[in-house]
Protein backbone atom coordinates (compact mmCIF):
# COMPACT_ATOMS: atom_id res chain seq x y z
CA UNK A 1 100.82 20.90 91.96
CA UNK A 2 104.20 20.47 90.26
CA UNK A 3 104.91 17.76 87.71
CA UNK A 4 108.66 17.24 87.44
CA UNK A 5 109.12 16.31 84.63
CA UNK A 6 106.46 15.81 81.96
CA UNK A 7 108.24 12.70 80.69
CA UNK A 8 107.60 10.89 83.99
CA UNK A 9 103.80 11.16 83.73
CA UNK A 10 103.35 11.30 79.98
CA UNK A 11 101.52 8.34 78.46
CA UNK A 12 103.23 6.53 75.63
CA UNK A 13 102.46 8.37 72.39
CA UNK A 14 100.28 6.71 69.78
CA UNK A 15 102.53 6.49 66.71
CA UNK A 16 99.48 6.72 64.43
CA UNK A 17 98.81 10.26 65.60
CA UNK A 18 100.77 13.30 64.52
CA UNK A 19 103.32 14.88 66.86
CA UNK A 20 101.12 17.94 67.52
CA UNK A 21 98.15 15.79 68.57
CA UNK A 22 100.32 13.56 70.75
CA UNK A 23 101.87 16.58 72.50
CA UNK A 24 98.51 18.28 73.00
CA UNK A 25 96.93 15.15 74.47
CA UNK A 26 99.86 14.63 76.85
CA UNK A 27 98.78 17.69 78.86
CA UNK A 28 95.03 17.63 78.23
CA UNK A 29 94.11 15.50 81.32
CA UNK A 30 95.72 18.06 83.66
CA UNK A 31 93.32 20.90 82.75
CA UNK A 32 90.14 19.39 84.26
CA UNK A 33 92.19 18.26 87.28
CA UNK A 34 93.30 21.84 87.91
CA UNK A 35 89.72 23.09 87.53
CA UNK A 36 88.21 20.43 89.79
CA UNK A 37 90.57 21.06 92.69
CA UNK A 38 91.08 24.79 92.00
CA UNK A 39 94.88 24.49 91.89
CA UNK A 40 97.64 25.62 89.57
CA UNK A 41 99.45 22.80 87.79
CA UNK A 42 103.04 23.54 86.82
CA UNK A 43 104.60 21.07 84.41
CA UNK A 44 108.39 21.05 84.12
CA UNK A 45 109.73 20.34 80.64
CA UNK A 46 112.91 20.88 78.64
CA UNK A 47 113.79 23.62 76.19
CA UNK A 48 115.45 23.36 72.80
CA UNK A 49 119.16 24.00 72.61
CA UNK A 50 118.61 26.63 69.91
CA UNK A 51 117.14 29.90 71.31
CA UNK A 52 113.99 31.34 69.75
CA UNK A 53 112.60 34.84 69.39
CA UNK A 54 109.36 33.69 71.04
CA UNK A 55 109.23 31.68 74.30
CA UNK A 56 106.89 29.17 72.63
CA UNK A 57 109.61 28.35 70.09
CA UNK A 58 111.93 27.32 72.91
CA UNK A 59 109.72 24.56 74.32
CA UNK A 60 111.05 21.17 73.23
CA UNK A 61 108.54 19.34 71.05
CA UNK A 62 105.72 20.65 68.88
CA UNK A 63 103.42 23.61 69.42
CA UNK A 64 100.92 21.08 70.78
CA UNK A 65 102.56 21.33 74.21
CA UNK A 66 102.22 25.11 74.47
CA UNK A 67 98.86 25.12 72.66
CA UNK A 68 97.23 22.88 75.23
CA UNK A 69 98.08 24.96 78.31
CA UNK A 70 97.11 28.37 79.69
CA UNK A 71 100.62 29.78 79.95
CA UNK A 72 104.29 29.12 79.32
CA UNK A 73 107.26 30.19 81.45
CA UNK A 74 110.76 29.72 80.00
CA UNK A 75 113.67 30.03 82.42
CA UNK A 76 117.21 30.45 81.12
CA UNK A 77 120.45 30.45 83.07
CA UNK A 78 124.05 30.22 81.95
CA UNK A 79 125.88 27.29 83.54
CA UNK A 80 127.52 28.41 86.78
CA UNK A 81 125.66 31.72 86.94
CA UNK A 82 123.50 32.70 89.93
CA UNK A 83 121.32 34.86 87.68
CA UNK A 84 118.49 33.61 85.48
CA UNK A 85 115.83 35.14 83.23
CA UNK A 86 112.19 34.10 83.18
CA UNK A 87 110.05 34.81 80.08
CA UNK A 88 106.26 34.64 80.35
CA UNK A 89 103.45 34.32 77.83
CA UNK A 90 99.93 32.93 77.92
CA UNK A 91 96.20 33.50 77.75
CA UNK A 92 95.93 35.19 81.15
CA UNK A 93 99.22 37.11 81.00
CA UNK A 94 98.26 40.76 80.54
CA UNK A 95 101.79 41.99 79.86
CA UNK A 96 104.25 39.51 78.42
CA UNK A 97 107.75 40.15 79.60
CA UNK A 98 110.96 38.86 81.06
CA UNK A 99 112.04 38.97 84.69
CA UNK A 100 115.51 38.78 86.24
CA UNK A 101 116.05 36.30 89.08
CA UNK A 102 118.97 35.38 91.34
CA UNK A 103 119.49 32.13 93.24
CA UNK A 104 119.85 32.74 96.97
CA UNK A 105 121.71 29.74 98.39
CA UNK A 106 121.04 30.81 102.00
CA UNK A 107 117.26 30.83 101.41
CA UNK A 108 117.34 28.02 98.83
CA UNK A 109 115.07 29.93 96.48
CA UNK A 110 115.04 32.34 93.55
CA UNK A 111 114.69 36.03 94.38
CA UNK A 112 113.14 38.63 92.09
CA UNK A 113 115.56 41.30 90.80
CA UNK A 114 113.22 43.26 88.55
CA UNK A 115 112.81 43.72 84.82
CA UNK A 116 115.31 41.64 82.84
CA UNK A 117 116.28 44.46 80.48
CA UNK A 118 117.03 46.82 83.39
CA UNK A 119 119.08 44.11 85.09
CA UNK A 120 121.09 43.38 81.93
CA UNK A 121 121.73 47.09 81.47
CA UNK A 122 122.97 47.47 85.04
CA UNK A 123 125.24 44.43 84.64
CA UNK A 124 126.61 45.92 81.42
CA UNK A 125 127.29 49.21 83.23
CA UNK A 126 129.32 47.28 85.82
CA UNK A 127 131.29 45.59 83.03
CA UNK A 128 132.09 48.94 81.39
CA UNK A 129 133.26 50.50 84.66
CA UNK A 130 135.36 47.43 85.49
CA UNK A 131 136.98 47.47 82.02
CA UNK A 132 137.80 51.20 82.23
CA UNK A 133 139.32 50.64 85.69
CA UNK A 134 141.33 47.68 84.41
CA UNK A 135 142.71 49.54 81.38
CA UNK A 136 143.41 52.68 83.42
CA UNK A 137 142.95 55.14 80.55
CA UNK A 138 140.07 56.49 78.45
CA UNK A 139 138.69 54.21 75.72
CA UNK A 140 136.41 54.72 72.74
CA UNK A 141 132.93 53.17 72.82
CA UNK A 142 134.02 50.79 70.05
CA UNK A 143 137.04 49.60 72.03
CA UNK A 144 134.90 49.11 75.14
CA UNK A 145 132.34 47.10 73.15
CA UNK A 146 135.04 44.84 71.72
CA UNK A 147 136.60 44.28 75.14
CA UNK A 148 133.33 43.36 76.88
CA UNK A 149 132.02 41.49 73.81
CA UNK A 150 128.84 43.56 73.31
CA UNK A 151 127.30 45.26 70.28
CA UNK A 152 128.92 48.63 69.49
CA UNK A 153 125.64 50.52 68.97
CA UNK A 154 124.29 49.37 72.32
CA UNK A 155 127.50 50.30 74.17
CA UNK A 156 127.64 53.68 72.43
CA UNK A 157 124.12 54.52 73.67
CA UNK A 158 124.84 53.19 77.14
CA UNK A 159 128.08 55.15 77.69
CA UNK A 160 126.22 58.37 76.82
CA UNK A 161 123.65 57.56 79.52
CA UNK A 162 126.44 56.69 81.95
CA UNK A 163 128.07 60.09 81.32
CA UNK A 164 124.72 61.79 81.96
CA UNK A 165 124.34 59.75 85.20
CA UNK A 166 127.87 60.67 86.33
CA UNK A 167 129.17 57.09 86.32
CA UNK A 168 131.87 57.77 83.72
CA UNK A 169 133.40 60.88 82.12
CA UNK A 170 133.55 61.93 78.47
CA UNK A 171 137.00 62.84 77.16
CA UNK A 172 137.36 64.71 73.85
CA UNK A 173 134.68 65.16 71.20
CA UNK A 174 133.66 64.06 67.72
CA UNK A 175 135.47 61.06 66.27
CA UNK A 176 138.11 61.22 69.03
CA UNK A 177 135.57 60.90 71.89
CA UNK A 178 136.69 58.54 74.62
CA UNK A 179 135.32 57.57 78.01
CA UNK A 180 137.02 57.11 81.34
CA UNK A 181 136.34 56.98 85.05
CA UNK A 182 135.69 60.32 86.78
CA UNK A 183 138.77 61.58 88.59
CA UNK A 184 138.60 62.48 92.27
CA UNK A 185 139.95 65.85 93.33
CA UNK A 186 140.59 66.69 96.98
CA UNK A 187 140.19 70.34 97.95
CA UNK A 188 142.32 71.74 100.76
CA UNK A 189 141.09 74.82 102.64
CA UNK A 190 143.13 76.40 105.45
CA UNK A 191 145.17 73.24 105.79
CA UNK A 192 142.08 71.01 106.24
CA UNK A 193 141.10 68.41 103.68
CA UNK A 194 137.77 69.21 102.14
CA UNK A 195 135.16 66.94 100.55
CA UNK A 196 136.10 64.88 97.53
CA UNK A 197 134.45 66.05 94.36
CA UNK A 198 134.00 64.49 90.91
CA UNK A 199 135.53 66.48 88.06
């Protein structure tokens, strides 16, 4: 059963009670209902504008809302983006984590992309490759980080992994280390083009 949104079914709060108690009691009647009919009850609610380190901090209202339920899912999506991230926590959640999702307009549903951190990393790899292609010459990790608006330490670690994975090439060493796209070399044997090779 889906309640969309909590505000539409929430009884008027008793002003004599504290905010925590009022929030807790707003969801309390749904728990025995779920148990009686053996169904999951999903209640849609809003998040705060300010992000929090913990998903519970992002639920609009007091901790009474998250304290009175078995689990909390917080979905975040940048306006206009097809990708979203879903954070999970709760009593029955064995491993708290964050999942990456993408809206499929042909199926009219969200599709699962995998672990959010892996997805972000792969998107960042695409950004780095696109920036190196756009610039057309090797760049330092710091310059790449500035251009794609990411933290320098994170980009520095990622470009090393990308070199190891063969996605980009390392140019120079020490303080003058730069990174660029691998160049393609075509071998010619007996007048016949051979296979392209990364160098």
